[in-house]
Structures are given as C-alpha cells and as structure tokens.
Amino acid sequence: MASDTRTYPLRQPAKHNPPPRLHLVFPEAQKQVFTAYIGIELHSQKCKTTKDALSILSEPRSKIQNWLEEVTPISTEQFFVLDDTPNHRQTSIPTQAQAQDPSSIKKSTTLIWACYWPTKDSYQKALANLNLSSLHTSLPESLRPAIGFWAECFTSDIARLETVYSATDYMPGLARLPGTSTTKHLHTGYWGAARDRIPGSGEDLFTGDGAVRNYGNGESAAPAEEGESEDVDFQSSLNSSIKGTNPSDMVHIRSGQFWGNCNEEEASAYLDNLEPKLRGGLLYLWNSPEESGSLGVRYLRNTNTTSLEGKNSEKGGEEDADAVYGADTDPSIADFLDTCPKETCVTAFFRNMADLEKWASKHPSHLAIHAGAVSHGRRFGDARRFRTWHEVSVIRGGEARFEYVNCVDGRGFGRGMVSVQRSELL
C-alpha cells in the first residue's frame, strides 16, 4: 500500500535507502495461513540422561507421528527445546556446549512439531482429529504422570503478517507452503520496519486488548498491582486439561538461525560471538514477562527423525535411543545435539506489537543482538553463509487455540490466555 493512501504513515525515514532484503509473497487468492505447534513434555525426576529421555518419549512421540501422517500438514519441522524453564525464572541460560548437565533433563525434556497448512479446511480437520486428553489416556498407566501434551495453534491473516529472509538457499516455515515466492523490499534497517512490512498496518495500529492477564476462572483481569502475587494457578495443567484462546492483536514471532552451510570460521563466529547475545535476549524475555510482554518464549534446536529413531530408521520400524547411541553409551544433551541439523529458532508470543517493538528497539539485550548481527555481516560480507529469517503475525482475538494436558508450571502461553477452561483427566 502506498504511503499516501495510508491512514497511518510508514515509519521509514525520509531518503532511507538500505540494501534490499527478501520477504515472502503469497498467491493472490490466499488470505490466511495456519500454524500449529504440537508438543510432548517429559517431566520425570527419574530421567537422568538424554538416552533415558528419548526412550521414554518413544511411545508418545509415535502417537504424534501417527497423527501427522493422517492429517499431512504441508510443512512439518521437528524440534528439541533447548530451554523452557518453569515460570520463566531461570537466572542463566546454558550454552549449547554446556547443556550436557543432566539436571536440565530432570527439569523437562520437550519435543515440538511446527506444522503449517495453507487452507482453513485442512487446518480445522487436522485439529478436529487431535484429542490430546485421549492421547494421554492411551499411554501406559505408568507413563502418564511423566508425560504432558500441548498444542498452540493459530490463524494468521496475510494482511496481518510479515516475513524477512536473508537469502533463498534456506527457506523454512511459511516459505514451504505451495505457491509462495520471494521478492525484494526496502522496509528494513530502521526501527518500525517490521510494522511497515505488515500490509494492514496502514489502517490498523494493532493496539488490541493484549495487556490483560487471566486468573484461571475464565475472566480477564488487569495486570497485577505492585506486591500482588503473580502465581496463577491455571498455568499448571498437571492431572488436568486446560484450554484457552487469545486476546485481540496478540503477536506471534518465529525467528530462525541456520549455520549449516557456514565454513568453520563463520560457524565459530556465530556460536562464540552472536549466539550468546541471542541467549542474553532470551534470558531477559524469560525473566521479565510482565515488563517485556513476552509469553511462551522457547529456544528450539532442529532435529530430524534419524536423531530420534536411529540411523536405520529409513528401513522402517521404530527404534529406541539405543539405536542412536548404542546400549552401553550414556550420552549427554551435547552428544544428542551433535546429531541434529545446525539450525535453531525462537518462538514467542507477545501481548501486542508495541511490546515487541519496544524490546527490539530499546532494550539493551536486543540491541546487543542487532549489533552482533551487523558486525557478523560486515566481517563476512558477500561470503556470508549464516542465514536468518523470521515470520511475525498479529492474531485476531479468538483466532488462536491453546491446550495443555498434564504439563508443569510455566510452560507455553500461560498467562496470556483468556476464556480458560479446565477439566480433570480421567
């Protein structure tokens, strides 16, 4: 939309002329896209190694895989959660090399599938076929207390969506939907560019009612007064199922990092210099949800079926973690990550666009990420093979569905849900 036809003008500075970047173009007839994150959470105190965790997760994982085979999302990606601490109150985030501490396995091990559909009909049929409570009940009785299932699903209007890609040699997420292509744009290199890339921003400020906080009784309430307890009982779904939806103009972001095509020098530059800054930004978001407006932040490492099912999985048949590591080995999380693709992504929800913009443009933790990315780009120039991308959508009220079955405190969207319903598991 041209700036002279907008109710709200572009934020791009006058005479701003940055190097062009890429964004996604959808087929003209497509007005919406559909996303679901499906998770399995293991919260067992008996699990002390990655091999233990993968073995215990084998049966619940096969149930999600069966569902995926039945509903066939157009795009599916699988992840291992690097960090998702209870109540977002961790004081430090380990590097990937330090993640071998078995105590982190004791807290929780979570697998996630990111699924995308191009049509409302296929999306709704898929969700109608997903009964998390029944999946949990179908597990062996001895396994049920240690396993949680959850789903975070939402509809994104194309008019309320923006994307950015640093190159086209690695295009995950929405870019894998049929009929999509990329084109260059100049809405980059200034604060407010993300909003300018959203087609509907010319007529909508996306202020919504995303500042509310739910107390678990199905009613929305204002944020807690100073000194008031922030312990909201509905965050825990142990022995129960909790369902809810979203307030107006809640924002979702998925931001990706791929270093699989980098040479050793550039990969080391990312992992040693830039990735710690990313963790610093996530640490702030995890520890300061009320201040930052962040909800359900997760740091994910891409996995593949070989990583979880064994090197011979292509021959058919389900295998446990012994097939990956051998019966006599006792691998760490770092060993497991060595089998995974060199890709991470961050997923998060924010109360509204203003909260996301405030963190991005003003908080030292994100300014450090931005400065580090600029420095990395200057160092490697045209030889750069480190790829970044993101997708951001402003979700209409009631267009998201959240469900948590037997999950521990602080996981997922939590505080942001409205119209919450709780039911006990049978």
Protein backbone atom coordinates (compact mmCIF):
# COMPACT_ATOMS: atom_id res chain seq x y z
CA MET A 1 0.00 0.00 0.00
CA ALA A 2 1.46 3.35 -1.00
CA SER A 3 2.22 5.72 1.86
CA ASP A 4 -0.13 8.47 0.55
CA THR A 5 -3.15 6.14 0.82
CA ARG A 6 -2.46 5.04 4.40
CA THR A 7 -4.32 6.30 7.44
CA TYR A 8 -1.16 5.65 9.45
CA PRO A 9 2.05 6.63 7.61
CA LEU A 10 5.07 4.42 7.12
CA ARG A 11 7.76 4.74 9.75
CA GLN A 12 10.53 4.53 7.18
CA PRO A 13 12.78 7.61 7.44
CA ALA A 14 12.93 10.01 4.54
CA LYS A 15 15.59 9.17 1.94
CA HIS A 16 16.26 5.84 3.67
CA ASN A 17 17.89 3.59 1.10
CA PRO A 18 19.12 0.32 2.67
CA PRO A 19 20.34 -2.75 0.79
CA PRO A 20 17.22 -4.68 -0.18
CA ARG A 21 16.16 -7.79 1.69
CA LEU A 22 13.62 -10.50 0.88
CA HIS A 23 10.12 -11.18 2.03
CA LEU A 24 7.52 -13.79 1.18
CA VAL A 25 4.84 -13.32 -1.47
CA PHE A 26 1.71 -15.49 -1.20
CA PRO A 27 -0.65 -16.45 -4.01
CA GLU A 28 -3.09 -13.61 -4.65
CA ALA A 29 -6.13 -15.67 -3.70
CA GLN A 30 -4.66 -16.75 -0.37
CA LYS A 31 -5.92 -14.65 2.53
CA GLN A 32 -4.87 -16.74 5.53
CA VAL A 33 -2.26 -19.26 6.65
CA PHE A 34 -2.48 -21.67 9.57
CA THR A 35 0.11 -22.74 12.13
CA ALA A 36 0.21 -25.30 14.94
CA TYR A 37 2.92 -26.13 17.44
CA ILE A 38 2.41 -29.59 18.93
CA GLY A 39 4.48 -30.55 21.95
CA ILE A 40 5.31 -33.51 24.14
CA GLU A 41 6.75 -32.70 27.55
CA LEU A 42 8.61 -35.19 29.72
CA HIS A 43 8.85 -34.09 33.35
CA SER A 44 10.32 -37.11 35.10
CA GLN A 45 12.70 -36.93 38.03
CA LYS A 46 13.90 -40.45 37.16
CA CYS A 47 15.28 -39.38 33.80
CA LYS A 48 18.98 -38.55 34.09
CA THR A 49 20.31 -38.79 30.53
CA THR A 50 19.27 -37.89 27.03
CA LYS A 51 19.06 -41.57 26.15
CA ASP A 52 16.63 -42.10 29.04
CA ALA A 53 14.53 -39.19 27.84
CA LEU A 54 14.39 -40.31 24.21
CA SER A 55 13.48 -43.84 25.22
CA ILE A 56 10.63 -42.68 27.46
CA LEU A 57 9.39 -40.30 24.78
CA SER A 58 9.32 -43.00 22.09
CA GLU A 59 5.71 -44.09 22.61
CA PRO A 60 4.09 -40.64 22.97
CA ARG A 61 6.17 -39.44 20.01
CA SER A 62 4.86 -42.27 17.85
CA LYS A 63 1.30 -41.14 18.64
CA ILE A 64 2.03 -37.62 17.37
CA GLN A 65 3.79 -39.04 14.33
CA ASN A 66 0.70 -41.15 13.57
CA TRP A 67 -1.46 -38.04 13.77
CA LEU A 68 0.88 -36.17 11.42
CA GLU A 69 0.70 -39.00 8.90
CA GLU A 70 -3.10 -38.85 8.99
CA VAL A 71 -3.50 -35.06 8.68
CA THR A 72 -0.46 -34.37 6.44
CA PRO A 73 0.49 -30.73 7.07
CA ILE A 74 2.07 -29.12 4.01
CA SER A 75 5.17 -28.34 6.09
CA THR A 76 6.34 -30.02 9.29
CA GLU A 77 9.53 -29.36 11.24
CA GLN A 78 10.66 -31.11 14.42
CA PHE A 79 12.49 -29.50 17.34
CA PHE A 80 14.04 -30.19 20.71
CA VAL A 81 13.52 -27.43 23.29
CA LEU A 82 16.85 -26.07 24.47
CA ASP A 83 15.27 -24.11 27.29
CA ASP A 84 11.77 -23.67 28.65
CA THR A 85 12.16 -23.17 32.37
CA PRO A 86 9.32 -23.20 34.90
CA ASN A 87 7.71 -19.79 35.35
CA HIS A 88 10.33 -18.19 33.09
CA ARG A 89 12.51 -17.60 36.13
CA GLN A 90 15.90 -19.06 35.22
CA THR A 91 18.89 -16.98 36.23
CA SER A 92 21.19 -18.19 33.46
CA ILE A 93 20.84 -19.98 30.14
CA PRO A 94 23.49 -22.59 29.30
CA THR A 95 25.29 -22.53 26.00
CA GLN A 96 24.67 -25.49 23.72
CA ALA A 97 28.03 -26.93 24.75
CA GLN A 98 27.16 -26.54 28.44
CA ALA A 99 23.75 -28.15 28.01
CA GLN A 100 25.14 -31.54 28.97
CA ASP A 101 24.19 -31.06 32.62
CA PRO A 102 21.88 -33.98 33.43
CA SER A 103 19.92 -31.75 35.82
CA SER A 104 18.40 -29.98 32.81
CA ILE A 105 16.96 -33.30 31.69
CA LYS A 106 15.44 -33.77 35.14
CA LYS A 107 13.54 -30.49 34.79
CA SER A 108 11.86 -31.21 31.48
CA THR A 109 12.53 -32.56 28.01
CA THR A 110 10.23 -31.28 25.28
CA LEU A 111 9.81 -32.21 21.62
CA ILE A 112 7.90 -29.88 19.30
CA TRP A 113 6.49 -30.12 15.81
CA ALA A 114 5.86 -26.89 13.87
CA CYS A 115 3.09 -27.54 11.33
CA TYR A 116 1.70 -25.33 8.56
CA TRP A 117 -1.42 -25.54 6.39
CA PRO A 118 -2.49 -23.25 3.50
CA THR A 119 -6.26 -23.82 3.82
CA LYS A 120 -8.73 -23.42 6.65
CA ASP A 121 -10.46 -26.70 5.82
CA SER A 122 -7.29 -28.81 6.11
CA TYR A 123 -6.25 -26.98 9.30
CA GLN A 124 -9.62 -27.43 11.01
CA LYS A 125 -9.82 -31.10 10.03
CA ALA A 126 -6.35 -31.67 11.44
CA LEU A 127 -7.19 -30.07 14.79
CA ALA A 128 -10.52 -31.88 14.98
CA ASN A 129 -8.54 -35.10 14.72
CA LEU A 130 -6.22 -34.15 17.61
CA ASN A 131 -7.55 -35.16 21.03
CA LEU A 132 -4.72 -34.57 23.48
CA SER A 133 -6.60 -35.89 26.51
CA SER A 134 -7.34 -39.14 24.69
CA LEU A 135 -3.73 -39.42 23.59
CA HIS A 136 -2.64 -39.03 27.20
CA THR A 137 -5.16 -41.60 28.44
CA SER A 138 -3.99 -44.06 25.79
CA LEU A 139 -0.46 -44.10 27.23
CA PRO A 140 0.52 -46.91 29.61
CA GLU A 141 -0.65 -46.01 33.10
CA SER A 142 2.91 -45.99 34.44
CA LEU A 143 3.95 -43.41 31.85
CA ARG A 144 1.09 -40.92 32.17
CA PRO A 145 2.31 -38.97 35.23
CA ALA A 146 5.58 -38.09 33.47
CA ILE A 147 4.15 -37.02 30.10
CA GLY A 148 2.33 -33.87 29.03
CA PHE A 149 0.87 -32.98 25.63
CA TRP A 150 0.14 -29.48 24.40
CA ALA A 151 -0.96 -27.58 21.29
CA GLU A 152 -0.63 -23.89 20.36
CA CYS A 153 -2.48 -23.20 17.11
CA PHE A 154 -3.48 -20.01 15.32
CA THR A 155 -4.74 -18.40 12.14
CA SER A 156 -2.74 -15.59 10.50
CA ASP A 157 -4.31 -13.18 8.04
CA ILE A 158 -1.89 -12.39 5.21
CA ALA A 159 -2.79 -8.72 5.75
CA ARG A 160 -1.51 -9.01 9.34
CA LEU A 161 1.67 -10.95 8.57
CA GLU A 162 5.26 -10.06 7.66
CA THR A 163 8.38 -12.06 6.86
CA VAL A 164 12.08 -11.42 6.23
CA TYR A 165 14.79 -13.71 4.79
CA SER A 166 18.49 -13.03 4.40
CA ALA A 167 18.76 -15.37 1.38
CA THR A 168 16.80 -18.00 -0.51
CA ASP A 169 19.10 -21.03 -0.08
CA TYR A 170 17.37 -21.97 3.17
CA MET A 171 13.63 -21.28 3.44
CA PRO A 172 11.75 -22.97 6.30
CA GLY A 173 8.36 -22.34 7.88
CA LEU A 174 5.75 -20.49 5.86
CA ALA A 175 8.12 -20.34 2.88
CA ARG A 176 7.44 -24.05 2.28
CA LEU A 177 3.75 -23.52 1.55
CA PRO A 178 2.79 -24.05 -2.11
CA GLY A 179 2.73 -21.07 -4.45
CA THR A 180 4.92 -18.82 -2.30
CA SER A 181 7.80 -16.83 -3.73
CA THR A 182 10.11 -14.06 -2.56
CA THR A 183 10.67 -10.51 -3.67
CA LYS A 184 12.98 -7.71 -2.58
CA HIS A 185 11.82 -4.91 -0.32
CA LEU A 186 13.32 -1.80 1.27
CA HIS A 187 11.39 -1.85 4.55
CA THR A 188 14.43 -2.82 6.58
CA GLY A 189 17.27 -1.27 8.54
CA TYR A 190 15.18 1.01 10.78
CA TRP A 191 13.06 0.60 13.89
CA GLY A 192 9.45 0.19 12.86
CA ALA A 193 10.29 -1.69 9.67
CA ALA A 194 8.51 -4.84 10.84
CA ARG A 195 5.26 -2.94 11.27
CA ASP A 196 5.71 -1.28 7.87
CA ARG A 197 6.04 -4.73 6.27
CA ILE A 198 2.59 -5.75 7.57
CA PRO A 199 0.14 -4.84 4.79
CA GLY A 200 -2.68 -3.98 7.18
CA SER A 201 -0.61 -1.59 9.28
CA GLY A 202 -1.69 1.32 7.11
CA GLU A 203 -5.19 1.08 8.57
CA ASP A 204 -4.67 -0.60 11.93
CA LEU A 205 -2.38 0.16 14.87
CA PHE A 206 -2.97 -3.31 16.35
CA THR A 207 -3.47 -1.98 19.86
CA GLY A 208 -5.93 -4.73 20.84
CA ASP A 209 -6.51 -5.77 24.44
CA GLY A 210 -3.34 -7.79 24.86
CA ALA A 211 -2.45 -6.22 28.21
CA VAL A 212 -4.93 -8.38 30.13
CA ARG A 213 -3.87 -11.25 32.34
CA ASN A 214 -6.11 -14.22 33.09
CA TYR A 215 -6.59 -15.61 36.57
CA GLY A 216 -7.84 -19.02 35.55
CA ASN A 217 -11.56 -18.52 36.16
CA GLY A 218 -12.48 -17.70 32.57
CA GLU A 219 -12.43 -13.95 33.20
CA SER A 220 -9.84 -11.40 32.17
CA ALA A 221 -8.26 -9.11 34.70
CA ALA A 222 -5.88 -6.18 34.73
CA PRO A 223 -2.18 -6.80 35.38
CA ALA A 224 -1.26 -7.42 39.00
CA GLU A 225 -0.71 -4.43 41.25
CA GLU A 226 2.71 -4.00 42.83
CA GLY A 227 3.20 -6.57 45.54
CA GLU A 228 0.39 -8.80 44.31
CA SER A 229 1.26 -12.43 43.74
CA GLU A 230 1.83 -13.39 40.14
CA ASP A 231 1.34 -17.12 40.83
CA VAL A 232 -1.59 -18.00 38.57
CA ASP A 233 -2.89 -21.48 39.34
CA PHE A 234 -4.14 -22.23 35.84
CA GLN A 235 -0.60 -22.32 34.47
CA SER A 236 -0.24 -25.85 35.83
CA SER A 237 -2.22 -28.50 33.98
CA LEU A 238 -0.91 -31.46 35.96
CA ASN A 239 -3.65 -34.10 36.12
CA SER A 240 -5.90 -31.89 34.06
CA SER A 241 -6.54 -30.30 30.67
CA ILE A 242 -6.53 -26.53 30.24
CA LYS A 243 -7.87 -24.83 27.14
CA GLY A 244 -7.99 -21.15 26.22
CA THR A 245 -7.78 -18.62 23.44
CA ASN A 246 -6.10 -15.25 22.81
CA PRO A 247 -6.96 -11.58 23.31
CA SER A 248 -7.05 -9.26 20.30
CA ASP A 249 -3.85 -8.39 18.45
CA MET A 250 -1.59 -10.83 20.26
CA VAL A 251 1.64 -11.19 18.26
CA HIS A 252 3.49 -14.36 17.32
CA ILE A 253 7.10 -14.41 16.14
CA ARG A 254 9.27 -17.24 14.92
CA SER A 255 12.86 -16.21 14.29
CA GLY A 256 15.38 -18.63 12.78
CA GLN A 257 19.15 -19.12 12.64
CA PHE A 258 20.84 -21.56 10.22
CA TRP A 259 24.60 -22.14 10.09
CA GLY A 260 24.65 -25.48 8.28
CA ASN A 261 26.31 -24.02 5.17
CA CYS A 262 28.92 -21.97 7.03
CA ASN A 263 32.62 -22.78 6.94
CA GLU A 264 34.32 -23.46 10.26
CA GLU A 265 35.38 -19.84 10.75
CA GLU A 266 31.93 -18.39 10.24
CA ALA A 267 30.19 -21.12 12.26
CA SER A 268 32.55 -20.44 15.16
CA ALA A 269 31.95 -16.70 14.84
CA TYR A 270 28.22 -17.27 15.19
CA LEU A 271 28.40 -19.78 18.05
CA ASP A 272 31.09 -17.93 20.02
CA ASN A 273 30.05 -14.30 19.47
CA LEU A 274 26.48 -13.89 18.24
CA GLU A 275 24.64 -16.86 19.73
CA PRO A 276 25.48 -15.84 23.33
CA LYS A 277 23.89 -12.45 22.62
CA LEU A 278 20.78 -14.24 21.40
CA ARG A 279 20.69 -16.19 24.68
CA GLY A 280 21.07 -12.93 26.56
CA GLY A 281 17.98 -11.54 24.87
CA LEU A 282 16.02 -14.68 25.64
CA LEU A 283 17.15 -14.57 29.25
CA TYR A 284 15.62 -11.12 29.60
CA LEU A 285 12.36 -12.22 27.99
CA TRP A 286 12.14 -15.34 30.16
CA ASN A 287 12.87 -13.47 33.37
CA SER A 288 10.73 -10.37 32.64
CA PRO A 289 7.43 -11.41 31.04
CA GLU A 290 5.40 -8.65 32.68
CA GLU A 291 7.87 -5.92 31.69
CA SER A 292 8.56 -7.22 28.18
CA GLY A 293 5.10 -8.51 27.30
CA SER A 294 6.62 -11.83 26.23
CA LEU A 295 4.59 -15.01 26.54
CA GLY A 296 5.55 -18.62 25.87
CA VAL A 297 9.16 -18.00 24.75
CA ARG A 298 11.02 -21.10 23.55
CA TYR A 299 14.51 -21.69 22.16
CA LEU A 300 14.39 -24.68 19.77
CA ARG A 301 17.02 -26.83 18.10
CA ASN A 302 16.02 -28.51 14.86
CA THR A 303 16.14 -32.29 14.94
CA ASN A 304 15.37 -34.99 12.40
CA THR A 305 13.91 -38.48 12.51
CA THR A 306 17.37 -40.04 12.39
CA SER A 307 18.33 -38.17 15.55
CA LEU A 308 15.39 -39.68 17.40
CA GLU A 309 14.70 -43.01 15.74
CA GLY A 310 18.15 -44.37 14.94
CA LYS A 311 20.37 -44.39 11.87
CA ASN A 312 18.45 -47.27 10.30
CA SER A 313 15.00 -45.72 10.68
CA GLU A 314 14.64 -45.34 6.91
CA LYS A 315 14.33 -49.13 6.75
CA GLY A 316 11.09 -48.88 8.67
CA GLY A 317 10.37 -49.88 12.21
CA GLU A 318 10.56 -47.96 15.45
CA GLU A 319 13.81 -47.91 17.40
CA ASP A 320 14.71 -46.62 20.83
CA ALA A 321 17.64 -44.43 21.83
CA ASP A 322 20.00 -47.42 21.94
CA ALA A 323 19.80 -47.41 18.15
CA VAL A 324 21.21 -43.89 18.13
CA TYR A 325 23.96 -44.25 20.72
CA GLY A 326 24.39 -47.94 21.48
CA ALA A 327 23.28 -49.82 24.56
CA ASP A 328 26.48 -49.16 26.51
CA THR A 329 26.73 -45.42 25.96
CA ASP A 330 25.39 -42.69 28.23
CA PRO A 331 25.17 -39.59 26.02
CA SER A 332 24.76 -36.00 27.12
CA ILE A 333 22.47 -33.43 25.59
CA ALA A 334 25.51 -32.10 23.73
CA ASP A 335 26.03 -35.55 22.18
CA PHE A 336 22.42 -35.53 21.04
CA LEU A 337 22.72 -32.04 19.57
CA ASP A 338 25.73 -33.17 17.56
CA THR A 339 23.35 -35.42 15.61
CA CYS A 340 20.98 -32.54 14.82
CA PRO A 341 20.91 -30.08 11.90
CA LYS A 342 22.73 -26.82 12.56
CA GLU A 343 19.62 -24.76 12.99
CA THR A 344 17.77 -23.11 15.85
CA CYS A 345 14.74 -20.92 16.08
CA VAL A 346 12.98 -18.88 18.73
CA THR A 347 9.22 -18.92 19.03
CA ALA A 348 7.32 -16.50 21.22
CA PHE A 349 4.07 -14.65 21.69
CA PHE A 350 3.86 -11.01 22.76
CA ARG A 351 0.88 -9.21 24.23
CA ASN A 352 0.89 -6.80 21.31
CA MET A 353 3.03 -5.28 18.58
CA ALA A 354 4.08 -2.33 20.73
CA ASP A 355 5.67 -4.65 23.31
CA LEU A 356 7.67 -6.49 20.64
CA GLU A 357 8.79 -3.19 19.08
CA LYS A 358 9.79 -1.75 22.45
CA TRP A 359 12.02 -4.71 23.24
CA ALA A 360 13.55 -4.72 19.75
CA SER A 361 14.30 -1.01 19.55
CA LYS A 362 15.10 -0.03 23.12
CA HIS A 363 16.21 -2.89 25.35
CA PRO A 364 19.97 -3.48 25.64
CA SER A 365 19.53 -7.23 25.23
CA HIS A 366 18.08 -6.91 21.73
CA LEU A 367 20.32 -4.02 20.75
CA ALA A 368 23.25 -6.34 21.50
CA ILE A 369 21.78 -8.98 19.18
CA HIS A 370 21.27 -6.38 16.46
CA ALA A 371 24.80 -5.00 16.81
CA GLY A 372 26.24 -8.51 16.79
CA ALA A 373 24.35 -9.39 13.61
CA VAL A 374 25.56 -6.23 11.88
CA SER A 375 29.15 -6.96 12.96
CA HIS A 376 28.88 -10.54 11.69
CA GLY A 377 27.57 -9.34 8.32
CA ARG A 378 30.37 -6.82 7.94
CA ARG A 379 33.03 -9.39 8.85
CA PHE A 380 31.97 -11.97 6.26
CA GLY A 381 30.43 -9.74 3.61
CA ASP A 382 29.34 -11.46 0.40
CA ALA A 383 30.92 -14.71 1.59
CA ARG A 384 28.46 -14.87 4.49
CA ARG A 385 26.54 -18.15 4.65
CA PHE A 386 24.86 -17.69 8.04
CA ARG A 387 21.12 -17.35 7.37
CA THR A 388 18.48 -15.61 9.43
CA TRP A 389 14.77 -15.17 8.89
CA HIS A 390 11.56 -14.51 10.77
CA GLU A 391 7.81 -14.53 10.45
CA VAL A 392 5.57 -12.23 12.53
CA SER A 393 1.78 -12.25 12.66
CA VAL A 394 -0.74 -10.15 14.57
CA ILE A 395 -3.51 -12.55 15.54
CA ARG A 396 -7.14 -11.51 15.76
CA GLY A 397 -8.93 -12.14 19.06
CA GLY A 398 -10.14 -15.72 19.36
CA GLU A 399 -8.14 -16.95 16.35
CA ALA A 400 -5.71 -18.97 18.49
CA ARG A 401 -6.29 -22.19 20.39
CA PHE A 402 -4.15 -23.24 23.35
CA GLU A 403 -4.38 -26.56 25.15
CA TYR A 404 -2.14 -28.11 27.82
CA VAL A 405 -2.64 -31.64 29.18
CA ASN A 406 -0.68 -32.70 32.28
CA CYS A 407 2.03 -30.06 31.76
CA VAL A 408 4.12 -28.45 34.51
CA ASP A 409 4.03 -24.82 35.61
CA GLY A 410 5.21 -22.04 33.36
CA ARG A 411 5.08 -23.87 30.04
CA GLY A 412 3.75 -22.22 26.93
CA PHE A 413 1.39 -19.31 26.52
CA GLY A 414 0.25 -19.47 30.14
CA ARG A 415 -0.56 -16.00 31.42
CA GLY A 416 -1.85 -14.69 28.11
CA MET A 417 -4.85 -17.00 27.74
CA VAL A 418 -8.43 -15.79 28.02
CA SER A 419 -11.67 -17.79 28.22
CA VAL A 420 -9.84 -20.51 30.11
CA GLN A 421 -11.49 -23.87 30.73
CA ARG A 422 -10.11 -26.60 32.98
CA SER A 423 -11.18 -30.24 33.16
CA GLU A 424 -9.70 -33.06 35.21
CA LEU A 425 -8.16 -36.02 33.43
CA LEU A 426 -9.92 -39.34 33.86
